[in-house]
PDB file of N, CA and C in Angstrom:
ATOM      1  N   UNK A   1      88.460   8.938  70.966  1.00  0.00           N
ATOM      2  CA  UNK A   1      87.246   9.687  70.565  1.00  0.00           C
ATOM      3  C   UNK A   1      86.783   9.156  69.232  1.00  0.00           C
ATOM      4  N   UNK A   2      85.508   9.178  69.063  1.00  0.00           N
ATOM      5  CA  UNK A   2      84.888   8.658  67.825  1.00  0.00           C
ATOM      6  C   UNK A   2      84.645   9.788  66.851  1.00  0.00           C
ATOM      7  N   UNK A   3      84.667   9.422  65.562  1.00  0.00           N
ATOM      8  CA  UNK A   3      84.262  10.385  64.529  1.00  0.00           C
ATOM      9  C   UNK A   3      82.821  10.027  64.082  1.00  0.00           C
ATOM     10  N   UNK A   4      82.168  11.011  63.519  1.00  0.00           N
ATOM     11  CA  UNK A   4      80.790  10.843  63.076  1.00  0.00           C
ATOM     12  C   UNK A   4      80.621  11.471  61.695  1.00  0.00           C
ATOM     13  N   UNK A   5      79.835  10.878  60.876  1.00  0.00           N
ATOM     14  CA  UNK A   5      79.542  11.513  59.582  1.00  0.00           C
ATOM     15  C   UNK A   5      78.259  12.301  59.645  1.00  0.00           C
ATOM     16  N   UNK A   6      78.013  13.073  58.633  1.00  0.00           N
ATOM     17  CA  UNK A   6      76.831  13.952  58.636  1.00  0.00           C
ATOM     18  C   UNK A   6      75.508  13.205  58.733  1.00  0.00           C
ATOM     19  N   UNK A   7      75.422  12.092  58.056  1.00  0.00           N
ATOM     20  CA  UNK A   7      74.166  11.316  58.097  1.00  0.00           C
ATOM     21  C   UNK A   7      73.861  10.839  59.521  1.00  0.00           C
ATOM     22  N   UNK A   8      74.860  10.298  60.205  1.00  0.00           N
ATOM     23  CA  UNK A   8      74.651   9.815  61.574  1.00  0.00           C
ATOM     24  C   UNK A   8      74.405  10.970  62.530  1.00  0.00           C
ATOM     25  N   UNK A   9      75.078  12.087  62.297  1.00  0.00           N
ATOM     26  CA  UNK A   9      74.849  13.251  63.147  1.00  0.00           C
ATOM     27  C   UNK A   9      73.432  13.736  63.007  1.00  0.00           C
ATOM     28  N   UNK A  10      72.924  13.785  61.797  1.00  0.00           N
ATOM     29  CA  UNK A  10      71.544  14.210  61.573  1.00  0.00           C
ATOM     30  C   UNK A  10      70.571  13.297  62.299  1.00  0.00           C
ATOM     31  N   UNK A  11      70.802  11.976  62.213  1.00  0.00           N
ATOM     32  CA  UNK A  11      69.967  11.042  62.918  1.00  0.00           C
ATOM     33  C   UNK A  11      69.904  11.306  64.408  1.00  0.00           C
ATOM     34  N   UNK A  12      71.072  11.503  64.989  1.00  0.00           N
ATOM     35  CA  UNK A  12      71.145  11.739  66.462  1.00  0.00           C
ATOM     36  C   UNK A  12      70.467  13.062  66.803  1.00  0.00           C
ATOM     37  N   UNK A  13      70.699  14.113  66.048  1.00  0.00           N
ATOM     38  CA  UNK A  13      70.119  15.406  66.324  1.00  0.00           C
ATOM     39  C   UNK A  13      68.587  15.368  66.138  1.00  0.00           C
ATOM     40  N   UNK A  14      68.136  14.725  65.074  1.00  0.00           N
ATOM     41  CA  UNK A  14      66.685  14.613  64.841  1.00  0.00           C
ATOM     42  C   UNK A  14      65.980  13.862  65.941  1.00  0.00           C
ATOM     43  N   UNK A  15      66.616  12.870  66.512  1.00  0.00           N
ATOM     44  CA  UNK A  15      66.039  12.096  67.607  1.00  0.00           C
ATOM     45  C   UNK A  15      66.308  12.691  68.964  1.00  0.00           C
ATOM     46  N   UNK A  16      66.975  13.840  68.959  1.00  0.00           N
ATOM     47  CA  UNK A  16      67.379  14.520  70.194  1.00  0.00           C
ATOM     48  C   UNK A  16      68.219  13.603  71.099  1.00  0.00           C
ATOM     49  N   UNK A  17      69.116  12.847  70.444  1.00  0.00           N
ATOM     50  CA  UNK A  17      69.998  11.929  71.153  1.00  0.00           C
ATOM     51  C   UNK A  17      71.430  12.461  71.189  1.00  0.00           C
ATOM     52  N   UNK A  18      71.623  13.668  70.785  1.00  0.00           N
ATOM     53  CA  UNK A  18      72.954  14.280  70.816  1.00  0.00           C
ATOM     54  C   UNK A  18      72.842  15.813  70.907  1.00  0.00           C
ATOM     55  N   UNK A  19      73.859  16.417  71.421  1.00  0.00           N
ATOM     56  CA  UNK A  19      73.978  17.846  71.469  1.00  0.00           C
ATOM     57  C   UNK A  19      75.199  18.253  70.651  1.00  0.00           C
ATOM     58  N   UNK A  20      75.023  19.218  69.772  1.00  0.00           N
ATOM     59  CA  UNK A  20      76.107  19.695  68.936  1.00  0.00           C
ATOM     60  C   UNK A  20      76.768  20.924  69.576  1.00  0.00           C
ATOM     61  N   UNK A  21      78.077  20.868  69.639  1.00  0.00           N
ATOM     62  CA  UNK A  21      78.844  22.014  70.144  1.00  0.00           C
ATOM     63  C   UNK A  21      79.722  22.527  68.985  1.00  0.00           C
ATOM     64  N   UNK A  22      79.390  23.713  68.528  1.00  0.00           N
ATOM     65  CA  UNK A  22      80.130  24.351  67.452  1.00  0.00           C
ATOM     66  C   UNK A  22      81.277  25.156  68.076  1.00  0.00           C
ATOM     67  N   UNK A  23      82.491  24.841  67.747  1.00  0.00           N
ATOM     68  CA  UNK A  23      83.665  25.466  68.366  1.00  0.00           C
ATOM     69  C   UNK A  23      84.222  26.633  67.550  1.00  0.00           C
ATOM     70  N   UNK A  24      83.506  27.020  66.497  1.00  0.00           N
ATOM     71  CA  UNK A  24      83.918  28.151  65.673  1.00  0.00           C
ATOM     72  C   UNK A  24      83.867  29.468  66.514  1.00  0.00           C
ATOM     73  N   UNK A  25      84.502  30.494  65.969  1.00  0.00           N
ATOM     74  CA  UNK A  25      84.417  31.818  66.637  1.00  0.00           C
ATOM     75  C   UNK A  25      82.987  32.300  66.634  1.00  0.00           C
ATOM     76  N   UNK A  26      82.656  33.234  67.481  1.00  0.00           N
ATOM     77  CA  UNK A  26      81.283  33.771  67.542  1.00  0.00           C
ATOM     78  C   UNK A  26      80.887  34.383  66.183  1.00  0.00           C
ATOM     79  N   UNK A  27      81.844  35.021  65.532  1.00  0.00           N
ATOM     80  CA  UNK A  27      81.567  35.659  64.243  1.00  0.00           C
ATOM     81  C   UNK A  27      81.192  34.586  63.176  1.00  0.00           C
ATOM     82  N   UNK A  28      82.018  33.530  63.084  1.00  0.00           N
ATOM     83  CA  UNK A  28      81.764  32.454  62.121  1.00  0.00           C
ATOM     84  C   UNK A  28      80.467  31.734  62.455  1.00  0.00           C
ATOM     85  N   UNK A  29      80.203  31.527  63.739  1.00  0.00           N
ATOM     86  CA  UNK A  29      78.984  30.864  64.154  1.00  0.00           C
ATOM     87  C   UNK A  29      77.737  31.661  63.690  1.00  0.00           C
ATOM     88  N   UNK A  30      77.798  32.967  63.844  1.00  0.00           N
ATOM     89  CA  UNK A  30      76.673  33.807  63.439  1.00  0.00           C
ATOM     90  C   UNK A  30      76.424  33.753  61.953  1.00  0.00           C
ATOM     91  N   UNK A  31      77.492  33.559  61.169  1.00  0.00           N
ATOM     92  CA  UNK A  31      77.376  33.487  59.709  1.00  0.00           C
ATOM     93  C   UNK A  31      76.616  32.239  59.290  1.00  0.00           C
ATOM     94  N   UNK A  32      76.930  31.091  59.899  1.00  0.00           N
ATOM     95  CA  UNK A  32      76.310  29.840  59.521  1.00  0.00           C
ATOM     96  C   UNK A  32      76.623  28.768  60.552  1.00  0.00           C
ATOM     97  N   UNK A  33      75.599  28.048  60.944  1.00  0.00           N
ATOM     98  CA  UNK A  33      75.834  26.943  61.891  1.00  0.00           C
ATOM     99  C   UNK A  33      74.710  25.928  61.798  1.00  0.00           C
ATOM    100  N   UNK A  34      74.911  24.779  62.376  1.00  0.00           N
ATOM    101  CA  UNK A  34      73.902  23.730  62.387  1.00  0.00           C
ATOM    102  C   UNK A  34      72.841  24.192  63.370  1.00  0.00           C
ATOM    103  N   UNK A  35      71.612  24.129  62.923  1.00  0.00           N
ATOM    104  CA  UNK A  35      70.488  24.571  63.745  1.00  0.00           C
ATOM    105  C   UNK A  35      70.442  23.795  65.048  1.00  0.00           C
ATOM    106  N   UNK A  36      70.400  24.534  66.156  1.00  0.00           N
ATOM    107  CA  UNK A  36      70.332  23.898  67.454  1.00  0.00           C
ATOM    108  C   UNK A  36      71.698  23.706  68.108  1.00  0.00           C
ATOM    109  N   UNK A  37      72.757  23.992  67.368  1.00  0.00           N
ATOM    110  CA  UNK A  37      74.105  23.837  67.966  1.00  0.00           C
ATOM    111  C   UNK A  37      74.364  24.934  68.991  1.00  0.00           C
ATOM    112  N   UNK A  38      75.131  24.581  69.993  1.00  0.00           N
ATOM    113  CA  UNK A  38      75.574  25.521  70.996  1.00  0.00           C
ATOM    114  C   UNK A  38      76.947  26.004  70.612  1.00  0.00           C
ATOM    115  N   UNK A  39      77.162  27.319  70.665  1.00  0.00           N
ATOM    116  CA  UNK A  39      78.460  27.876  70.279  1.00  0.00           C
ATOM    117  C   UNK A  39      79.328  28.104  71.542  1.00  0.00           C
ATOM    118  N   UNK A  40      80.368  27.336  71.580  1.00  0.00           N
ATOM    119  CA  UNK A  40      81.425  27.511  72.617  1.00  0.00           C
ATOM    120  C   UNK A  40      82.751  27.536  71.856  1.00  0.00           C
ATOM    121  N   UNK A  41      83.267  28.731  71.543  1.00  0.00           N
ATOM    122  CA  UNK A  41      84.471  28.804  70.730  1.00  0.00           C
ATOM    123  C   UNK A  41      85.632  28.035  71.353  1.00  0.00           C
ATOM    124  N   UNK A  42      86.434  27.410  70.473  1.00  0.00           N
ATOM    125  CA  UNK A  42      87.533  26.544  70.884  1.00  0.00           C
ATOM    126  C   UNK A  42      88.517  27.277  71.785  1.00  0.00           C
ATOM    127  N   UNK A  43      88.672  28.589  71.606  1.00  0.00           N
ATOM    128  CA  UNK A  43      89.668  29.317  72.408  1.00  0.00           C
ATOM    129  C   UNK A  43      89.040  30.046  73.581  1.00  0.00           C
ATOM    130  N   UNK A  44      87.800  29.679  73.879  1.00  0.00           N
ATOM    131  CA  UNK A  44      87.040  30.285  75.024  1.00  0.00           C
ATOM    132  C   UNK A  44      87.734  29.903  76.312  1.00  0.00           C
ATOM    133  N   UNK A  45      87.910  30.857  77.163  1.00  0.00           N
ATOM    134  CA  UNK A  45      88.433  30.594  78.474  1.00  0.00           C
ATOM    135  C   UNK A  45      87.474  29.678  79.189  1.00  0.00           C
ATOM    136  N   UNK A  46      87.972  28.656  79.885  1.00  0.00           N
ATOM    137  CA  UNK A  46      87.153  27.697  80.617  1.00  0.00           C
ATOM    138  C   UNK A  46      86.247  26.919  79.698  1.00  0.00           C
ATOM    139  N   UNK A  47      86.758  26.483  78.520  1.00  0.00           N
ATOM    140  CA  UNK A  47      85.952  25.714  77.555  1.00  0.00           C
ATOM    141  C   UNK A  47      85.237  24.527  78.209  1.00  0.00           C
ATOM    142  N   UNK A  48      86.000  23.725  78.960  1.00  0.00           N
ATOM    143  CA  UNK A  48      85.424  22.512  79.555  1.00  0.00           C
ATOM    144  C   UNK A  48      84.296  22.874  80.487  1.00  0.00           C
ATOM    145  N   UNK A  49      84.507  23.860  81.344  1.00  0.00           N
ATOM    146  CA  UNK A  49      83.473  24.294  82.288  1.00  0.00           C
ATOM    147  C   UNK A  49      82.211  24.790  81.546  1.00  0.00           C
ATOM    148  N   UNK A  50      82.416  25.492  80.448  1.00  0.00           N
ATOM    149  CA  UNK A  50      81.242  25.977  79.718  1.00  0.00           C
ATOM    150  C   UNK A  50      80.479  24.830  79.056  1.00  0.00           C
ATOM    151  N   UNK A  51      81.176  23.785  78.622  1.00  0.00           N
ATOM    152  CA  UNK A  51      80.514  22.607  78.083  1.00  0.00           C
ATOM    153  C   UNK A  51      79.755  21.924  79.213  1.00  0.00           C
ATOM    154  N   UNK A  52      80.394  21.799  80.348  1.00  0.00           N
ATOM    155  CA  UNK A  52      79.746  21.151  81.510  1.00  0.00           C
ATOM    156  C   UNK A  52      78.486  21.898  81.900  1.00  0.00           C
ATOM    157  N   UNK A  53      78.466  23.188  81.830  1.00  0.00           N
ATOM    158  CA  UNK A  53      77.306  24.016  82.205  1.00  0.00           C
ATOM    159  C   UNK A  53      76.175  23.833  81.166  1.00  0.00           C
ATOM    160  N   UNK A  54      76.521  23.477  79.932  1.00  0.00           N
ATOM    161  CA  UNK A  54      75.522  23.356  78.885  1.00  0.00           C
ATOM    162  C   UNK A  54      74.828  21.997  78.862  1.00  0.00           C
ATOM    163  N   UNK A  55      75.382  21.025  79.599  1.00  0.00           N
ATOM    164  CA  UNK A  55      74.831  19.686  79.558  1.00  0.00           C
ATOM    165  C   UNK A  55      74.537  19.191  80.946  1.00  0.00           C
ATOM    166  N   UNK A  56      73.474  18.411  81.074  1.00  0.00           N
ATOM    167  CA  UNK A  56      73.047  17.933  82.394  1.00  0.00           C
ATOM    168  C   UNK A  56      73.856  16.691  82.779  1.00  0.00           C
ATOM    169  N   UNK A  57      74.103  15.771  81.858  1.00  0.00           N
ATOM    170  CA  UNK A  57      74.768  14.538  82.150  1.00  0.00           C
ATOM    171  C   UNK A  57      75.969  14.311  81.293  1.00  0.00           C
ATOM    172  N   UNK A  58      77.038  13.797  81.906  1.00  0.00           N
ATOM    173  CA  UNK A  58      78.245  13.561  81.139  1.00  0.00           C
ATOM    174  C   UNK A  58      78.203  12.326  80.238  1.00  0.00           C
ATOM    175  N   UNK A  59      77.064  11.587  80.313  1.00  0.00           N
ATOM    176  CA  UNK A  59      76.962  10.420  79.449  1.00  0.00           C
ATOM    177  C   UNK A  59      76.147  10.750  78.184  1.00  0.00           C
ATOM    178  N   UNK A  60      75.728  12.013  78.006  1.00  0.00           N
ATOM    179  CA  UNK A  60      75.032  12.407  76.798  1.00  0.00           C
ATOM    180  C   UNK A  60      76.010  12.343  75.608  1.00  0.00           C
ATOM    181  N   UNK A  61      75.423  12.201  74.437  1.00  0.00           N
ATOM    182  CA  UNK A  61      76.268  12.260  73.213  1.00  0.00           C
ATOM    183  C   UNK A  61      76.549  13.728  72.917  1.00  0.00           C
ATOM    184  N   UNK A  62      77.815  14.057  72.827  1.00  0.00           N
ATOM    185  CA  UNK A  62      78.272  15.418  72.520  1.00  0.00           C
ATOM    186  C   UNK A  62      79.029  15.332  71.197  1.00  0.00           C
ATOM    187  N   UNK A  63      78.577  16.114  70.218  1.00  0.00           N
ATOM    188  CA  UNK A  63      79.225  16.133  68.898  1.00  0.00           C
ATOM    189  C   UNK A  63      79.900  17.493  68.727  1.00  0.00           C
ATOM    190  N   UNK A  64      81.236  17.461  68.616  1.00  0.00           N
ATOM    191  CA  UNK A  64      81.996  18.676  68.355  1.00  0.00           C
ATOM    192  C   UNK A  64      82.035  18.916  66.870  1.00  0.00           C
ATOM    193  N   UNK A  65      81.738  20.143  66.434  1.00  0.00           N
ATOM    194  CA  UNK A  65      81.788  20.444  65.003  1.00  0.00           C
ATOM    195  C   UNK A  65      82.422  21.838  64.865  1.00  0.00           C
ATOM    196  N   UNK A  66      82.941  22.077  63.653  1.00  0.00           N
ATOM    197  CA  UNK A  66      83.584  23.355  63.353  1.00  0.00           C
ATOM    198  C   UNK A  66      83.769  23.471  61.840  1.00  0.00           C
ATOM    199  N   UNK A  67      84.152  24.653  61.430  1.00  0.00           N
ATOM    200  CA  UNK A  67      84.503  24.851  60.029  1.00  0.00           C
ATOM    201  C   UNK A  67      85.757  24.037  59.755  1.00  0.00           C
ATOM    202  N   UNK A  68      86.044  23.802  58.483  1.00  0.00           N
ATOM    203  CA  UNK A  68      87.192  22.987  58.106  1.00  0.00           C
ATOM    204  C   UNK A  68      88.513  23.471  58.715  1.00  0.00           C
ATOM    205  N   UNK A  69      88.684  24.774  58.789  1.00  0.00           N
ATOM    206  CA  UNK A  69      89.939  25.333  59.280  1.00  0.00           C
ATOM    207  C   UNK A  69      90.196  24.957  60.756  1.00  0.00           C
ATOM    208  N   UNK A  70      89.159  24.704  61.523  1.00  0.00           N
ATOM    209  CA  UNK A  70      89.335  24.370  62.926  1.00  0.00           C
ATOM    210  C   UNK A  70      89.210  22.864  63.201  1.00  0.00           C
ATOM    211  N   UNK A  71      89.038  22.063  62.175  1.00  0.00           N
ATOM    212  CA  UNK A  71      88.900  20.615  62.383  1.00  0.00           C
ATOM    213  C   UNK A  71      90.011  20.007  63.216  1.00  0.00           C
ATOM    214  N   UNK A  72      91.267  20.466  63.041  1.00  0.00           N
ATOM    215  CA  UNK A  72      92.355  19.882  63.901  1.00  0.00           C
ATOM    216  C   UNK A  72      92.127  20.118  65.392  1.00  0.00           C
ATOM    217  N   UNK A  73      91.424  21.182  65.753  1.00  0.00           N
ATOM    218  CA  UNK A  73      91.149  21.488  67.149  1.00  0.00           C
ATOM    219  C   UNK A  73      90.183  20.474  67.793  1.00  0.00           C
ATOM    220  N   UNK A  74      89.333  19.855  66.967  1.00  0.00           N
ATOM    221  CA  UNK A  74      88.308  18.956  67.501  1.00  0.00           C
ATOM    222  C   UNK A  74      88.920  17.780  68.286  1.00  0.00           C
ATOM    223  N   UNK A  75      89.975  17.192  67.759  1.00  0.00           N
ATOM    224  CA  UNK A  75      90.584  16.057  68.450  1.00  0.00           C
ATOM    225  C   UNK A  75      91.086  16.458  69.817  1.00  0.00           C
ATOM    226  N   UNK A  76      91.772  17.569  69.896  1.00  0.00           N
ATOM    227  CA  UNK A  76      92.312  18.052  71.167  1.00  0.00           C
ATOM    228  C   UNK A  76      91.176  18.349  72.171  1.00  0.00           C
ATOM    229  N   UNK A  77      90.149  19.051  71.693  1.00  0.00           N
ATOM    230  CA  UNK A  77      89.053  19.396  72.562  1.00  0.00           C
ATOM    231  C   UNK A  77      88.280  18.158  73.029  1.00  0.00           C
ATOM    232  N   UNK A  78      88.122  17.208  72.107  1.00  0.00           N
ATOM    233  CA  UNK A  78      87.479  15.942  72.449  1.00  0.00           C
ATOM    234  C   UNK A  78      88.215  15.200  73.532  1.00  0.00           C
ATOM    235  N   UNK A  79      89.542  15.162  73.439  1.00  0.00           N
ATOM    236  CA  UNK A  79      90.319  14.470  74.453  1.00  0.00           C
ATOM    237  C   UNK A  79      90.199  15.160  75.804  1.00  0.00           C
ATOM    238  N   UNK A  80      90.124  16.476  75.753  1.00  0.00           N
ATOM    239  CA  UNK A  80      89.954  17.243  77.028  1.00  0.00           C
ATOM    240  C   UNK A  80      88.587  16.942  77.644  1.00  0.00           C
ATOM    241  N   UNK A  81      87.557  16.826  76.833  1.00  0.00           N
ATOM    242  CA  UNK A  81      86.234  16.491  77.384  1.00  0.00           C
ATOM    243  C   UNK A  81      86.217  15.089  77.932  1.00  0.00           C
ATOM    244  N   UNK A  82      86.846  14.180  77.266  1.00  0.00           N
ATOM    245  CA  UNK A  82      86.886  12.795  77.750  1.00  0.00           C
ATOM    246  C   UNK A  82      87.649  12.743  79.085  1.00  0.00           C
ATOM    247  N   UNK A  83      88.727  13.502  79.185  1.00  0.00           N
ATOM    248  CA  UNK A  83      89.500  13.562  80.450  1.00  0.00           C
ATOM    249  C   UNK A  83      88.680  14.138  81.570  1.00  0.00           C
ATOM    250  N   UNK A  84      87.723  15.012  81.220  1.00  0.00           N
ATOM    251  CA  UNK A  84      86.853  15.651  82.195  1.00  0.00           C
ATOM    252  C   UNK A  84      85.656  14.767  82.571  1.00  0.00           C
ATOM    253  N   UNK A  85      85.593  13.585  81.950  1.00  0.00           N
ATOM    254  CA  UNK A  85      84.561  12.635  82.304  1.00  0.00           C
ATOM    255  C   UNK A  85      83.393  12.444  81.326  1.00  0.00           C
ATOM    256  N   UNK A  86      83.434  13.174  80.199  1.00  0.00           N
ATOM    257  CA  UNK A  86      82.393  12.963  79.202  1.00  0.00           C
ATOM    258  C   UNK A  86      82.619  11.624  78.527  1.00  0.00           C
ATOM    259  N   UNK A  87      81.584  10.818  78.451  1.00  0.00           N
ATOM    260  CA  UNK A  87      81.720   9.440  77.952  1.00  0.00           C
ATOM    261  C   UNK A  87      81.500   9.238  76.484  1.00  0.00           C
ATOM    262  N   UNK A  88      80.696  10.088  75.870  1.00  0.00           N
ATOM    263  CA  UNK A  88      80.289   9.883  74.465  1.00  0.00           C
ATOM    264  C   UNK A  88      80.577  11.131  73.641  1.00  0.00           C
ATOM    265  N   UNK A  89      81.828  11.327  73.319  1.00  0.00           N
ATOM    266  CA  UNK A  89      82.250  12.479  72.579  1.00  0.00           C
ATOM    267  C   UNK A  89      82.578  12.080  71.128  1.00  0.00           C
ATOM    268  N   UNK A  90      81.971  12.812  70.208  1.00  0.00           N
ATOM    269  CA  UNK A  90      82.206  12.555  68.779  1.00  0.00           C
ATOM    270  C   UNK A  90      82.768  13.802  68.146  1.00  0.00           C
ATOM    271  N   UNK A  91      83.485  13.635  67.089  1.00  0.00           N
ATOM    272  CA  UNK A  91      83.908  14.793  66.288  1.00  0.00           C
ATOM    273  C   UNK A  91      83.386  14.686  64.872  1.00  0.00           C
ATOM    274  N   UNK A  92      82.799  15.764  64.408  1.00  0.00           N
ATOM    275  CA  UNK A  92      82.281  15.866  63.079  1.00  0.00           C
ATOM    276  C   UNK A  92      83.201  16.825  62.307  1.00  0.00           C
ATOM    277  N   UNK A  93      84.123  16.245  61.550  1.00  0.00           N
ATOM    278  CA  UNK A  93      85.170  17.039  60.958  1.00  0.00           C
ATOM    279  C   UNK A  93      84.827  17.589  59.548  1.00  0.00           C
ATOM    280  N   UNK A  94      83.737  17.126  58.982  1.00  0.00           N
ATOM    281  CA  UNK A  94      83.447  17.509  57.590  1.00  0.00           C
ATOM    282  C   UNK A  94      83.211  19.007  57.419  1.00  0.00           C
ATOM    283  N   UNK A  95      82.643  19.642  58.428  1.00  0.00           N
ATOM    284  CA  UNK A  95      82.461  21.081  58.356  1.00  0.00           C
ATOM    285  C   UNK A  95      81.240  21.515  57.512  1.00  0.00           C
ATOM    286  N   UNK A  96      81.082  22.818  57.385  1.00  0.00           N
ATOM    287  CA  UNK A  96      79.898  23.351  56.696  1.00  0.00           C
ATOM    288  C   UNK A  96      79.649  22.849  55.285  1.00  0.00           C
ATOM    289  N   UNK A  97      80.706  22.552  54.554  1.00  0.00           N
ATOM    290  CA  UNK A  97      80.538  22.100  53.187  1.00  0.00           C
ATOM    291  C   UNK A  97      79.715  20.796  53.153  1.00  0.00           C
ATOM    292  N   UNK A  98      79.844  19.996  54.191  1.00  0.00           N
ATOM    293  CA  UNK A  98      79.115  18.713  54.254  1.00  0.00           C
ATOM    294  C   UNK A  98      77.720  18.835  54.837  1.00  0.00           C
ATOM    295  N   UNK A  99      77.461  19.916  55.575  1.00  0.00           N
ATOM    296  CA  UNK A  99      76.198  20.081  56.241  1.00  0.00           C
ATOM    297  C   UNK A  99      75.037  19.971  55.255  1.00  0.00           C
ATOM    298  N   UNK A 100      75.097  20.744  54.191  1.00  0.00           N
ATOM    299  CA  UNK A 100      74.033  20.762  53.221  1.00  0.00           C
ATOM    300  C   UNK A 100      73.862  19.364  52.590  1.00  0.00           C
ATOM    301  N   UNK A 101      74.987  18.769  52.173  1.00  0.00           N
ATOM    302  CA  UNK A 101      74.964  17.436  51.557  1.00  0.00           C
ATOM    303  C   UNK A 101      74.349  16.414  52.480  1.00  0.00           C
ATOM    304  N   UNK A 102      74.586  16.553  53.781  1.00  0.00           N
ATOM    305  CA  UNK A 102      74.058  15.585  54.746  1.00  0.00           C
ATOM    306  C   UNK A 102      72.627  15.939  55.197  1.00  0.00           C
ATOM    307  N   UNK A 103      72.065  16.980  54.613  1.00  0.00           N
ATOM    308  CA  UNK A 103      70.678  17.421  54.902  1.00  0.00           C
ATOM    309  C   UNK A 103      70.530  17.873  56.332  1.00  0.00           C
ATOM    310  N   UNK A 104      71.602  18.482  56.907  1.00  0.00           N
ATOM    311  CA  UNK A 104      71.479  19.063  58.247  1.00  0.00           C
ATOM    312  C   UNK A 104      70.838  20.429  58.130  1.00  0.00           C
ATOM    313  N   UNK A 105      70.000  20.777  59.048  1.00  0.00           N
ATOM    314  CA  UNK A 105      69.356  22.073  59.034  1.00  0.00           C
ATOM    315  C   UNK A 105      70.366  23.153  59.416  1.00  0.00           C
ATOM    316  N   UNK A 106      70.471  24.172  58.580  1.00  0.00           N
ATOM    317  CA  UNK A 106      71.472  25.209  58.766  1.00  0.00           C
ATOM    318  C   UNK A 106      70.773  26.530  59.055  1.00  0.00           C
ATOM    319  N   UNK A 107      71.353  27.271  59.963  1.00  0.00           N
ATOM    320  CA  UNK A 107      70.867  28.604  60.242  1.00  0.00           C
ATOM    321  C   UNK A 107      71.942  29.590  59.756  1.00  0.00           C
ATOM    322  N   UNK A 108      71.534  30.516  58.909  1.00  0.00           N
ATOM    323  CA  UNK A 108      72.448  31.512  58.339  1.00  0.00           C
ATOM    324  C   UNK A 108      72.035  32.881  58.723  1.00  0.00           C
ATOM    325  N   UNK A 109      73.045  33.744  58.775  1.00  0.00           N
ATOM    326  CA  UNK A 109      72.764  35.123  59.077  1.00  0.00           C
ATOM    327  C   UNK A 109      72.034  35.754  57.948  1.00  0.00           C
ATOM    328  N   UNK A 110      70.964  36.515  58.244  1.00  0.00           N
ATOM    329  CA  UNK A 110      70.160  37.147  57.171  1.00  0.00           C
ATOM    330  C   UNK A 110      70.955  38.205  56.433  1.00  0.00           C
TER     331      UNK A 110
END
Protein backbone atom coordinates (compact mmCIF):
# COMPACT_ATOMS: atom_id res chain seq x y z
CA UNK A 1 0.00 0.00 0.00
CA UNK A 2 1.13 3.50 -0.78
CA UNK A 3 1.36 6.45 1.57
CA UNK A 4 0.31 9.94 0.59
CA UNK A 5 1.12 13.36 1.97
CA UNK A 6 -1.34 16.17 2.55
CA UNK A 7 -0.31 18.16 -0.52
CA UNK A 8 -0.86 15.21 -2.88
CA UNK A 9 -4.10 14.27 -1.14
CA UNK A 10 -5.42 17.81 -1.62
CA UNK A 11 -4.53 17.67 -5.33
CA UNK A 12 -6.39 14.37 -5.79
CA UNK A 13 -9.45 15.55 -3.83
CA UNK A 14 -9.60 18.91 -5.60
CA UNK A 15 -9.51 17.16 -8.98
CA UNK A 16 -12.06 14.62 -7.77
CA UNK A 17 -9.54 11.87 -8.49
CA UNK A 18 -9.77 10.26 -5.05
CA UNK A 19 -12.25 9.43 -2.34
CA UNK A 20 -11.30 9.92 1.30
CA UNK A 21 -12.42 7.37 3.87
CA UNK A 22 -12.09 8.62 7.44
CA UNK A 23 -11.85 5.62 9.77
CA UNK A 24 -12.27 7.59 13.01
CA UNK A 25 -15.19 6.93 15.34
CA UNK A 26 -18.45 8.67 14.48
CA UNK A 27 -17.94 11.02 17.45
CA UNK A 28 -14.43 12.06 16.36
CA UNK A 29 -15.58 12.40 12.76
CA UNK A 30 -18.34 14.80 13.80
CA UNK A 31 -15.82 16.94 15.71
CA UNK A 32 -13.55 17.45 12.69
CA UNK A 33 -12.90 15.81 9.35
CA UNK A 34 -11.71 16.48 5.83
CA UNK A 35 -14.55 18.01 3.85
CA UNK A 36 -16.09 15.40 1.58
CA UNK A 37 -14.65 12.42 3.45
CA UNK A 38 -16.84 9.39 4.01
CA UNK A 39 -16.90 8.11 7.59
CA UNK A 40 -16.58 4.37 7.94
CA UNK A 41 -15.18 3.69 11.42
CA UNK A 42 -12.27 1.23 11.54
CA UNK A 43 -14.15 -1.06 13.93
CA UNK A 44 -17.36 -0.99 11.92
CA UNK A 45 -18.84 -4.41 11.30
CA UNK A 46 -18.44 -5.30 7.61
CA UNK A 47 -15.91 -2.48 7.00
CA UNK A 48 -14.88 -3.85 3.59
CA UNK A 49 -18.48 -4.24 2.41
CA UNK A 50 -19.31 -0.70 3.50
CA UNK A 51 -16.34 0.66 1.56
CA UNK A 52 -17.43 -1.41 -1.46
CA UNK A 53 -20.93 0.09 -1.21
CA UNK A 54 -19.49 3.62 -1.12
CA UNK A 55 -17.49 3.27 -4.35
CA UNK A 56 -18.50 2.34 -7.86
CA UNK A 57 -15.19 0.97 -9.12
CA UNK A 58 -12.40 -0.83 -7.31
CA UNK A 59 -9.80 0.98 -9.42
CA UNK A 60 -10.68 4.39 -7.92
CA UNK A 61 -8.13 6.07 -5.68
CA UNK A 62 -9.14 5.45 -2.07
CA UNK A 63 -7.33 7.42 0.65
CA UNK A 64 -7.67 6.13 4.18
CA UNK A 65 -7.27 8.80 6.84
CA UNK A 66 -7.68 9.03 10.60
CA UNK A 67 -6.60 10.87 13.68
CA UNK A 68 -3.03 10.18 14.81
CA UNK A 69 -4.16 7.65 17.43
CA UNK A 70 -5.68 5.42 14.73
CA UNK A 71 -2.85 5.75 12.19
CA UNK A 72 -1.62 2.20 12.94
CA UNK A 73 -5.02 0.85 11.83
CA UNK A 74 -4.63 2.35 8.36
CA UNK A 75 -2.04 -0.18 7.21
CA UNK A 76 -4.17 -3.14 8.30
CA UNK A 77 -7.32 -1.72 6.71
CA UNK A 78 -5.45 -0.87 3.53
CA UNK A 79 -4.19 -4.42 3.22
CA UNK A 80 -7.72 -5.71 3.71
CA UNK A 81 -9.01 -3.43 0.94
CA UNK A 82 -6.25 -4.54 -1.41
CA UNK A 83 -7.09 -8.18 -0.65
CA UNK A 84 -10.70 -7.37 -1.53
CA UNK A 85 -9.58 -6.14 -4.95
CA UNK A 86 -9.12 -2.40 -4.49
CA UNK A 87 -6.21 -1.41 -6.72
CA UNK A 88 -5.28 2.12 -5.60
CA UNK A 89 -5.32 2.34 -1.83
CA UNK A 90 -3.37 5.09 -0.06
CA UNK A 91 -2.91 5.87 3.59
CA UNK A 92 -2.69 9.41 4.88
CA UNK A 93 -1.14 9.01 8.31
CA UNK A 94 -0.46 12.63 9.20
CA UNK A 95 -3.89 13.15 10.72
CA UNK A 96 -5.78 16.32 11.59
CA UNK A 97 -2.71 18.25 12.71
CA UNK A 98 -1.43 18.15 9.12
CA UNK A 99 -4.79 18.91 7.48
CA UNK A 100 -4.63 22.63 8.10
CA UNK A 101 -0.94 22.84 7.16
CA UNK A 102 -1.70 21.02 3.88
CA UNK A 103 -4.57 23.44 3.18
CA UNK A 104 -7.18 20.68 3.20
CA UNK A 105 -10.73 21.90 3.69
CA UNK A 106 -11.93 20.92 7.14
CA UNK A 107 -15.44 20.61 8.45
CA UNK A 108 -15.80 21.15 12.19
CA UNK A 109 -18.70 20.73 14.51
CA UNK A 110 -20.27 24.11 15.31
